[in-house]
Amino acid sequence: MIPAFKIMRPTLFASAVLLLSSGAMAQQPVQGSSVLQDAAYQDCLALVRRNPEEGFAQAQLWQNTGGGLPAQHCAALALVELKHYGDAADRLEQLLPLAEKQAPHLTVAILDQAANAWLLAEQPDRARKLLDIALKAAPDTPDLLIDRALAAAALNDYAAARRDLDVALRADPTRADALALRAAARRQTGDMNGALEDAETALAIEPRLPEALLERGILRLNKGDKRGARADLIQVRLIAPDTPAAISAGQYIEQMDVRQD
């Protein structure tokens, strides 16, 4: 079976912005004023985006000169950009005791970042354990529930994934990404009508969401609507080339072409 249950949210840098805007890291006894610390952290993240290797080197230098938690966090995010996902996840986990002492309200964000890094490292079991901890601290948080659903799905536990997505969508019924994921979970558990309903609802909210188009394409193919399926799958490849959704779409198109030969 071709996997289609993959949506990676930009959680790592998105929550880095949360860490920066809070100013909590800057209030720690790191050399310089809080304003300078915020600027240094922002500069480090900007460099990581432009040039991850230089960003990592700068973060390491900053850490060695007393940069503390912000420097270590920037270095971990640089490793994500460099695709050293396991190393990044390890570093983020190692930051948790320090974050709990210096900025406890940021630990959930760092837990989520570490979990996402473990997902990227294809270690969903480690991701799921961290998300269990995060959800104990922040119950019913949609982003955390969606991430745990991704981890559960990667472990082929689609029933658990659906349960988390049900809760996430009760909190925010407009989350097209969660609807697309639940469509995949429903399809994997045999609820084809529910899956199609979720895919259609997701596309009503976000008409060009690749994962929702992929799900609808797969469901149309299962119903024998090859023309509709091909249209959806081709659109996925046009909208989001070189993504997991596009790769899966290409595999389904290839299957359709082989069957016609």
C-alpha atoms as a PDB file:
ATOM      1  CA  MET A   1       0.000   0.000   0.000  1.00  0.00           C
ATOM      2  CA  ILE A   2       1.343   3.420  -0.915  1.00  0.00           C
ATOM      3  CA  PRO A   3       1.665   5.668   2.144  1.00  0.00           C
ATOM      4  CA  ALA A   4      -0.209   8.939   1.915  1.00  0.00           C
ATOM      5  CA  PHE A   5      -0.470   9.962   5.545  1.00  0.00           C
ATOM      6  CA  LYS A   6       2.187  12.655   5.642  1.00  0.00           C
ATOM      7  CA  ILE A   7       1.799  16.328   6.425  1.00  0.00           C
ATOM      8  CA  MET A   8       4.778  18.018   8.016  1.00  0.00           C
ATOM      9  CA  ARG A   9       3.839  21.339   9.488  1.00  0.00           C
ATOM     10  CA  PRO A  10       6.545  24.017   9.689  1.00  0.00           C
ATOM     11  CA  THR A  11       6.504  23.572  13.454  1.00  0.00           C
ATOM     12  CA  LEU A  12      10.198  23.949  14.104  1.00  0.00           C
ATOM     13  CA  PHE A  13      10.715  27.482  12.880  1.00  0.00           C
ATOM     14  CA  ALA A  14       7.129  28.517  13.609  1.00  0.00           C
ATOM     15  CA  SER A  15       7.558  27.756  17.276  1.00  0.00           C
ATOM     16  CA  ALA A  16      11.001  29.327  17.212  1.00  0.00           C
ATOM     17  CA  VAL A  17       9.200  32.569  16.460  1.00  0.00           C
ATOM     18  CA  LEU A  18       7.059  31.945  19.539  1.00  0.00           C
ATOM     19  CA  LEU A  19      10.184  31.479  21.630  1.00  0.00           C
ATOM     20  CA  LEU A  20      11.653  34.706  20.289  1.00  0.00           C
ATOM     21  CA  SER A  21       8.531  36.821  20.693  1.00  0.00           C
ATOM     22  CA  SER A  22       8.047  35.723  24.289  1.00  0.00           C
ATOM     23  CA  GLY A  23      11.332  37.321  25.312  1.00  0.00           C
ATOM     24  CA  ALA A  24      11.638  34.738  28.091  1.00  0.00           C
ATOM     25  CA  MET A  25      14.983  33.427  26.905  1.00  0.00           C
ATOM     26  CA  ALA A  26      16.380  36.928  26.843  1.00  0.00           C
ATOM     27  CA  GLN A  27      15.554  37.464  30.485  1.00  0.00           C
ATOM     28  CA  GLN A  28      18.087  34.873  31.605  1.00  0.00           C
ATOM     29  CA  PRO A  29      21.503  35.871  32.948  1.00  0.00           C
ATOM     30  CA  VAL A  30      23.234  35.773  29.565  1.00  0.00           C
ATOM     31  CA  GLN A  31      25.646  38.607  28.877  1.00  0.00           C
ATOM     32  CA  GLY A  32      24.003  41.740  27.517  1.00  0.00           C
ATOM     33  CA  SER A  33      20.582  43.304  27.827  1.00  0.00           C
ATOM     34  CA  SER A  34      17.313  41.557  26.994  1.00  0.00           C
ATOM     35  CA  VAL A  35      17.014  43.647  23.825  1.00  0.00           C
ATOM     36  CA  LEU A  36      20.456  42.549  22.682  1.00  0.00           C
ATOM     37  CA  GLN A  37      19.625  38.947  23.461  1.00  0.00           C
ATOM     38  CA  ASP A  38      16.430  39.088  21.410  1.00  0.00           C
ATOM     39  CA  ALA A  39      18.378  40.635  18.541  1.00  0.00           C
ATOM     40  CA  ALA A  40      21.114  38.009  18.826  1.00  0.00           C
ATOM     41  CA  TYR A  41      18.602  35.178  18.767  1.00  0.00           C
ATOM     42  CA  GLN A  42      16.760  36.650  15.796  1.00  0.00           C
ATOM     43  CA  ASP A  43      20.033  37.186  13.946  1.00  0.00           C
ATOM     44  CA  CYS A  44      21.033  33.593  14.618  1.00  0.00           C
ATOM     45  CA  LEU A  45      17.744  32.216  13.271  1.00  0.00           C
ATOM     46  CA  ALA A  46      17.960  34.467  10.210  1.00  0.00           C
ATOM     47  CA  LEU A  47      21.466  33.194   9.481  1.00  0.00           C
ATOM     48  CA  VAL A  48      20.298  29.598   9.901  1.00  0.00           C
ATOM     49  CA  ARG A  49      17.616  30.207   7.270  1.00  0.00           C
ATOM     50  CA  ARG A  50      20.095  31.774   4.834  1.00  0.00           C
ATOM     51  CA  ASN A  51      23.031  29.471   5.422  1.00  0.00           C
ATOM     52  CA  PRO A  52      22.487  26.602   7.885  1.00  0.00           C
ATOM     53  CA  GLU A  53      26.176  25.665   8.075  1.00  0.00           C
ATOM     54  CA  GLU A  54      27.227  29.203   8.980  1.00  0.00           C
ATOM     55  CA  GLY A  55      24.243  29.474  11.302  1.00  0.00           C
ATOM     56  CA  PHE A  56      25.287  26.339  13.149  1.00  0.00           C
ATOM     57  CA  ALA A  57      28.877  27.572  13.470  1.00  0.00           C
ATOM     58  CA  GLN A  58      27.665  30.950  14.753  1.00  0.00           C
ATOM     59  CA  ALA A  59      25.317  29.300  17.247  1.00  0.00           C
ATOM     60  CA  GLN A  60      28.137  27.094  18.524  1.00  0.00           C
ATOM     61  CA  LEU A  61      30.421  30.111  18.945  1.00  0.00           C
ATOM     62  CA  TRP A  62      27.648  32.011  20.729  1.00  0.00           C
ATOM     63  CA  GLN A  63      27.015  29.043  22.991  1.00  0.00           C
ATOM     64  CA  ASN A  64      30.726  28.868  23.893  1.00  0.00           C
ATOM     65  CA  THR A  65      30.690  32.543  24.876  1.00  0.00           C
ATOM     66  CA  GLY A  66      27.690  32.322  27.180  1.00  0.00           C
ATOM     67  CA  GLY A  67      24.740  32.211  24.804  1.00  0.00           C
ATOM     68  CA  GLY A  68      22.872  29.716  26.950  1.00  0.00           C
ATOM     69  CA  LEU A  69      19.444  28.436  26.013  1.00  0.00           C
ATOM     70  CA  PRO A  70      18.851  30.658  22.940  1.00  0.00           C
ATOM     71  CA  ALA A  71      22.217  29.704  21.417  1.00  0.00           C
ATOM     72  CA  GLN A  72      21.638  26.001  22.004  1.00  0.00           C
ATOM     73  CA  HIS A  73      18.153  26.235  20.547  1.00  0.00           C
ATOM     74  CA  CYS A  74      19.414  28.015  17.433  1.00  0.00           C
ATOM     75  CA  ALA A  75      22.088  25.346  16.962  1.00  0.00           C
ATOM     76  CA  ALA A  76      19.469  22.588  17.155  1.00  0.00           C
ATOM     77  CA  LEU A  77      17.326  24.309  14.522  1.00  0.00           C
ATOM     78  CA  ALA A  78      20.377  24.659  12.290  1.00  0.00           C
ATOM     79  CA  LEU A  79      20.821  20.891  12.453  1.00  0.00           C
ATOM     80  CA  VAL A  80      17.220  20.483  11.314  1.00  0.00           C
ATOM     81  CA  GLU A  81      17.917  22.689   8.292  1.00  0.00           C
ATOM     82  CA  LEU A  82      21.014  20.590   7.609  1.00  0.00           C
ATOM     83  CA  LYS A  83      18.771  17.493   7.712  1.00  0.00           C
ATOM     84  CA  HIS A  84      20.603  16.026  10.715  1.00  0.00           C
ATOM     85  CA  TYR A  85      17.237  15.291  12.221  1.00  0.00           C
ATOM     86  CA  GLY A  86      18.251  12.778  14.867  1.00  0.00           C
ATOM     87  CA  ASP A  87      21.039  15.008  16.191  1.00  0.00           C
ATOM     88  CA  ALA A  88      18.646  17.960  16.239  1.00  0.00           C
ATOM     89  CA  ALA A  89      16.026  15.976  18.131  1.00  0.00           C
ATOM     90  CA  ASP A  90      18.611  14.858  20.685  1.00  0.00           C
ATOM     91  CA  ARG A  91      19.750  18.444  21.246  1.00  0.00           C
ATOM     92  CA  LEU A  92      16.196  19.687  21.633  1.00  0.00           C
ATOM     93  CA  GLU A  93      15.455  16.975  24.184  1.00  0.00           C
ATOM     94  CA  GLN A  94      18.619  17.872  26.079  1.00  0.00           C
ATOM     95  CA  LEU A  95      17.390  21.469  26.272  1.00  0.00           C
ATOM     96  CA  LEU A  96      14.275  20.492  28.224  1.00  0.00           C
ATOM     97  CA  PRO A  97      15.771  20.468  31.755  1.00  0.00           C
ATOM     98  CA  LEU A  98      17.297  23.903  31.153  1.00  0.00           C
ATOM     99  CA  ALA A  99      14.045  25.221  29.700  1.00  0.00           C
ATOM    100  CA  GLU A 100      12.094  23.860  32.675  1.00  0.00           C
ATOM    101  CA  LYS A 101      14.352  25.843  35.021  1.00  0.00           C
ATOM    102  CA  GLN A 102      14.672  29.069  33.026  1.00  0.00           C
ATOM    103  CA  ALA A 103      11.487  29.300  30.940  1.00  0.00           C
ATOM    104  CA  PRO A 104       9.041  26.543  31.947  1.00  0.00           C
ATOM    105  CA  HIS A 105       6.213  27.926  29.822  1.00  0.00           C
ATOM    106  CA  LEU A 106       8.308  27.173  26.711  1.00  0.00           C
ATOM    107  CA  THR A 107       8.824  23.477  27.410  1.00  0.00           C
ATOM    108  CA  VAL A 108       5.726  22.398  25.481  1.00  0.00           C
ATOM    109  CA  ALA A 109       6.947  24.207  22.362  1.00  0.00           C
ATOM    110  CA  ILE A 110      10.363  22.568  22.664  1.00  0.00           C
ATOM    111  CA  LEU A 111       8.761  19.157  23.231  1.00  0.00           C
ATOM    112  CA  ASP A 112       6.776  19.656  20.033  1.00  0.00           C
ATOM    113  CA  GLN A 113       9.880  20.722  18.122  1.00  0.00           C
ATOM    114  CA  ALA A 114      11.799  17.680  19.332  1.00  0.00           C
ATOM    115  CA  ALA A 115       8.883  15.438  18.379  1.00  0.00           C
ATOM    116  CA  ASN A 116       8.757  16.917  14.887  1.00  0.00           C
ATOM    117  CA  ALA A 117      12.481  16.366  14.512  1.00  0.00           C
ATOM    118  CA  TRP A 118      12.028  12.714  15.522  1.00  0.00           C
ATOM    119  CA  LEU A 119       9.255  12.409  12.936  1.00  0.00           C
ATOM    120  CA  LEU A 120      11.631  13.771  10.309  1.00  0.00           C
ATOM    121  CA  ALA A 121      14.222  11.269  11.537  1.00  0.00           C
ATOM    122  CA  GLU A 122      11.618   8.519  10.975  1.00  0.00           C
ATOM    123  CA  GLN A 123      11.480   7.612  14.644  1.00  0.00           C
ATOM    124  CA  PRO A 124       7.776   8.092  15.333  1.00  0.00           C
ATOM    125  CA  ASP A 125       7.811   6.121  18.575  1.00  0.00           C
ATOM    126  CA  ARG A 126      10.145   8.672  20.166  1.00  0.00           C
ATOM    127  CA  ALA A 127       8.023  11.479  18.758  1.00  0.00           C
ATOM    128  CA  ARG A 128       4.846   9.990  20.187  1.00  0.00           C
ATOM    129  CA  LYS A 129       6.331   9.687  23.679  1.00  0.00           C
ATOM    130  CA  LEU A 130       7.310  13.362  23.700  1.00  0.00           C
ATOM    131  CA  LEU A 131       3.889  14.389  22.438  1.00  0.00           C
ATOM    132  CA  ASP A 132       2.245  12.340  25.192  1.00  0.00           C
ATOM    133  CA  ILE A 133       4.177  14.466  27.688  1.00  0.00           C
ATOM    134  CA  ALA A 134       3.342  17.697  25.865  1.00  0.00           C
ATOM    135  CA  LEU A 135      -0.377  16.890  25.809  1.00  0.00           C
ATOM    136  CA  LYS A 136      -0.411  16.195  29.523  1.00  0.00           C
ATOM    137  CA  ALA A 137       0.844  19.742  30.012  1.00  0.00           C
ATOM    138  CA  ALA A 138      -1.372  21.258  27.303  1.00  0.00           C
ATOM    139  CA  PRO A 139      -4.421  18.995  26.800  1.00  0.00           C
ATOM    140  CA  ASP A 140      -6.518  19.194  23.638  1.00  0.00           C
ATOM    141  CA  THR A 141      -4.051  21.507  21.845  1.00  0.00           C
ATOM    142  CA  PRO A 142      -4.813  21.025  18.115  1.00  0.00           C
ATOM    143  CA  ASP A 143      -1.231  21.279  16.838  1.00  0.00           C
ATOM    144  CA  LEU A 144       0.014  18.743  19.373  1.00  0.00           C
ATOM    145  CA  LEU A 145      -2.873  16.399  18.616  1.00  0.00           C
ATOM    146  CA  ILE A 146      -2.202  16.626  14.881  1.00  0.00           C
ATOM    147  CA  ASP A 147       1.476  15.890  15.412  1.00  0.00           C
ATOM    148  CA  ARG A 148       0.662  12.915  17.642  1.00  0.00           C
ATOM    149  CA  ALA A 149      -1.733  11.673  14.957  1.00  0.00           C
ATOM    150  CA  LEU A 150       1.145  11.795  12.480  1.00  0.00           C
ATOM    151  CA  ALA A 151       3.284   9.766  14.844  1.00  0.00           C
ATOM    152  CA  ALA A 152       0.494   7.249  15.430  1.00  0.00           C
ATOM    153  CA  ALA A 153      -0.101   6.880  11.700  1.00  0.00           C
ATOM    154  CA  ALA A 154       3.604   6.317  11.092  1.00  0.00           C
ATOM    155  CA  LEU A 155       3.276   3.452  13.580  1.00  0.00           C
ATOM    156  CA  ASN A 156       0.223   2.158  11.644  1.00  0.00           C
ATOM    157  CA  ASP A 157      -2.053   3.004  14.573  1.00  0.00           C
ATOM    158  CA  TYR A 158      -4.713   4.717  12.482  1.00  0.00           C
ATOM    159  CA  ALA A 159      -7.438   4.316  15.094  1.00  0.00           C
ATOM    160  CA  ALA A 160      -5.391   6.345  17.585  1.00  0.00           C
ATOM    161  CA  ALA A 161      -4.612   8.883  14.886  1.00  0.00           C
ATOM    162  CA  ARG A 162      -8.289   9.323  14.184  1.00  0.00           C
ATOM    163  CA  ARG A 163      -9.093   9.789  17.872  1.00  0.00           C
ATOM    164  CA  ASP A 164      -6.572  12.606  18.165  1.00  0.00           C
ATOM    165  CA  LEU A 165      -7.828  14.219  14.977  1.00  0.00           C
ATOM    166  CA  ASP A 166     -11.421  14.018  16.197  1.00  0.00           C
ATOM    167  CA  VAL A 167     -10.426  16.011  19.272  1.00  0.00           C
ATOM    168  CA  ALA A 168      -8.370  18.486  17.250  1.00  0.00           C
ATOM    169  CA  LEU A 169     -11.269  19.116  14.886  1.00  0.00           C
ATOM    170  CA  ARG A 170     -13.733  19.594  17.713  1.00  0.00           C
ATOM    171  CA  ALA A 171     -11.445  22.368  18.936  1.00  0.00           C
ATOM    172  CA  ASP A 172     -11.036  23.846  15.444  1.00  0.00           C
ATOM    173  CA  PRO A 173     -13.317  22.455  12.678  1.00  0.00           C
ATOM    174  CA  THR A 174     -11.647  24.681  10.069  1.00  0.00           C
ATOM    175  CA  ARG A 175      -8.269  22.905  10.154  1.00  0.00           C
ATOM    176  CA  ALA A 176      -7.969  21.666   6.583  1.00  0.00           C
ATOM    177  CA  ASP A 177      -4.729  19.841   7.380  1.00  0.00           C
ATOM    178  CA  ALA A 178      -6.415  17.884  10.173  1.00  0.00           C
ATOM    179  CA  LEU A 179      -9.344  17.054   7.902  1.00  0.00           C
ATOM    180  CA  ALA A 180      -6.992  15.732   5.217  1.00  0.00           C
ATOM    181  CA  LEU A 181      -5.182  13.625   7.784  1.00  0.00           C
ATOM    182  CA  ARG A 182      -8.441  12.284   9.180  1.00  0.00           C
ATOM    183  CA  ALA A 183      -9.534  11.421   5.647  1.00  0.00           C
ATOM    184  CA  ALA A 184      -6.414   9.259   5.379  1.00  0.00           C
ATOM    185  CA  ALA A 185      -7.027   7.694   8.791  1.00  0.00           C
ATOM    186  CA  ARG A 186     -10.636   6.944   7.919  1.00  0.00           C
ATOM    187  CA  ARG A 187      -9.617   5.414   4.610  1.00  0.00           C
ATOM    188  CA  GLN A 188      -7.033   3.234   6.340  1.00  0.00           C
ATOM    189  CA  THR A 189      -9.686   2.006   8.799  1.00  0.00           C
ATOM    190  CA  GLY A 190     -12.261   1.300   6.099  1.00  0.00           C
ATOM    191  CA  ASP A 191     -14.536   4.332   6.519  1.00  0.00           C
ATOM    192  CA  MET A 192     -14.524   5.360   2.859  1.00  0.00           C
ATOM    193  CA  ASN A 193     -17.601   7.582   2.991  1.00  0.00           C
ATOM    194  CA  GLY A 194     -16.281   9.464   6.012  1.00  0.00           C
ATOM    195  CA  ALA A 195     -12.885   9.772   4.345  1.00  0.00           C
ATOM    196  CA  LEU A 196     -14.390  11.326   1.226  1.00  0.00           C
ATOM    197  CA  GLU A 197     -16.470  13.704   3.314  1.00  0.00           C
ATOM    198  CA  ASP A 198     -13.355  14.878   5.166  1.00  0.00           C
ATOM    199  CA  ALA A 199     -11.374  15.298   1.951  1.00  0.00           C
ATOM    200  CA  GLU A 200     -14.150  17.327   0.350  1.00  0.00           C
ATOM    201  CA  THR A 201     -14.537  19.488   3.453  1.00  0.00           C
ATOM    202  CA  ALA A 202     -10.793  20.127   3.546  1.00  0.00           C
ATOM    203  CA  LEU A 203     -10.836  21.183  -0.106  1.00  0.00           C
ATOM    204  CA  ALA A 204     -13.798  23.492   0.494  1.00  0.00           C
ATOM    205  CA  ILE A 205     -11.631  25.268   3.077  1.00  0.00           C
ATOM    206  CA  GLU A 206      -8.330  25.063   1.191  1.00  0.00           C
ATOM    207  CA  PRO A 207      -8.902  24.102  -2.471  1.00  0.00           C
ATOM    208  CA  ARG A 208      -5.217  23.584  -3.284  1.00  0.00           C
ATOM    209  CA  LEU A 209      -4.229  21.524  -0.246  1.00  0.00           C
ATOM    210  CA  PRO A 210      -2.104  18.749  -1.789  1.00  0.00           C
ATOM    211  CA  GLU A 211      -2.806  16.122   0.878  1.00  0.00           C
ATOM    212  CA  ALA A 212      -6.571  16.598   0.559  1.00  0.00           C
ATOM    213  CA  LEU A 213      -6.366  16.362  -3.227  1.00  0.00           C
ATOM    214  CA  LEU A 214      -4.290  13.216  -2.876  1.00  0.00           C
ATOM    215  CA  GLU A 215      -6.829  11.628  -0.547  1.00  0.00           C
ATOM    216  CA  ARG A 216      -9.731  12.503  -2.815  1.00  0.00           C
ATOM    217  CA  GLY A 217      -7.797  11.140  -5.782  1.00  0.00           C
ATOM    218  CA  ILE A 218      -7.152   7.836  -3.999  1.00  0.00           C
ATOM    219  CA  LEU A 219     -10.786   7.573  -2.921  1.00  0.00           C
ATOM    220  CA  ARG A 220     -12.032   8.355  -6.428  1.00  0.00           C
ATOM    221  CA  LEU A 221      -9.725   5.692  -7.793  1.00  0.00           C
ATOM    222  CA  ASN A 222     -11.087   3.172  -5.289  1.00  0.00           C
ATOM    223  CA  LYS A 223     -14.616   4.013  -6.481  1.00  0.00           C
ATOM    224  CA  GLY A 224     -13.622   3.460 -10.129  1.00  0.00           C
ATOM    225  CA  ASP A 225     -13.631   7.167 -11.070  1.00  0.00           C
ATOM    226  CA  LYS A 226     -10.312   7.059 -12.917  1.00  0.00           C
ATOM    227  CA  ARG A 227     -10.820  10.373 -14.695  1.00  0.00           C
ATOM    228  CA  GLY A 228     -11.542  12.226 -11.451  1.00  0.00           C
ATOM    229  CA  ALA A 229      -8.717  10.432  -9.670  1.00  0.00           C
ATOM    230  CA  ARG A 230      -6.216  11.308 -12.387  1.00  0.00           C
ATOM    231  CA  ALA A 231      -7.269  14.965 -12.335  1.00  0.00           C
ATOM    232  CA  ASP A 232      -6.712  15.192  -8.568  1.00  0.00           C
ATOM    233  CA  LEU A 233      -3.424  13.309  -8.633  1.00  0.00           C
ATOM    234  CA  ILE A 234      -2.021  15.397 -11.490  1.00  0.00           C
ATOM    235  CA  GLN A 235      -2.997  18.556  -9.639  1.00  0.00           C
ATOM    236  CA  VAL A 236      -1.068  17.363  -6.577  1.00  0.00           C
ATOM    237  CA  ARG A 237       2.072  16.999  -8.665  1.00  0.00           C
ATOM    238  CA  LEU A 238       1.612  20.446 -10.208  1.00  0.00           C
ATOM    239  CA  ILE A 239       0.902  22.216  -6.917  1.00  0.00           C
ATOM    240  CA  ALA A 240       3.499  20.515  -4.722  1.00  0.00           C
ATOM    241  CA  PRO A 241       6.249  18.863  -6.780  1.00  0.00           C
ATOM    242  CA  ASP A 242       8.958  16.934  -4.924  1.00  0.00           C
ATOM    243  CA  THR A 243       6.813  16.479  -1.806  1.00  0.00           C
ATOM    244  CA  PRO A 244       5.684  13.188  -0.231  1.00  0.00           C
ATOM    245  CA  ALA A 245       2.171  13.897  -1.550  1.00  0.00           C
ATOM    246  CA  ALA A 246       3.491  14.356  -5.106  1.00  0.00           C
ATOM    247  CA  ILE A 247       5.559  11.176  -4.894  1.00  0.00           C
ATOM    248  CA  SER A 248       2.526   9.182  -3.742  1.00  0.00           C
ATOM    249  CA  ALA A 249       0.381  10.772  -6.455  1.00  0.00           C
ATOM    250  CA  GLY A 250       2.931   9.774  -9.084  1.00  0.00           C
ATOM    251  CA  GLN A 251       2.913   6.186  -7.844  1.00  0.00           C
ATOM    252  CA  TYR A 252      -0.874   5.994  -8.078  1.00  0.00           C
ATOM    253  CA  ILE A 253      -0.816   7.468 -11.586  1.00  0.00           C
ATOM    254  CA  GLU A 254       1.794   4.898 -12.569  1.00  0.00           C
ATOM    255  CA  GLN A 255      -0.396   2.127 -11.177  1.00  0.00           C
ATOM    256  CA  MET A 256      -3.328   3.403 -13.226  1.00  0.00           C
ATOM    257  CA  ASP A 257      -1.216   3.496 -16.385  1.00  0.00           C
ATOM    258  CA  VAL A 258       0.086  -0.034 -15.808  1.00  0.00           C
ATOM    259  CA  ARG A 259      -3.435  -1.367 -15.381  1.00  0.00           C
ATOM    260  CA  GLN A 260      -4.474   0.205 -18.674  1.00  0.00           C
ATOM    261  CA  ASP A 261      -1.632  -1.495 -20.588  1.00  0.00           C
END
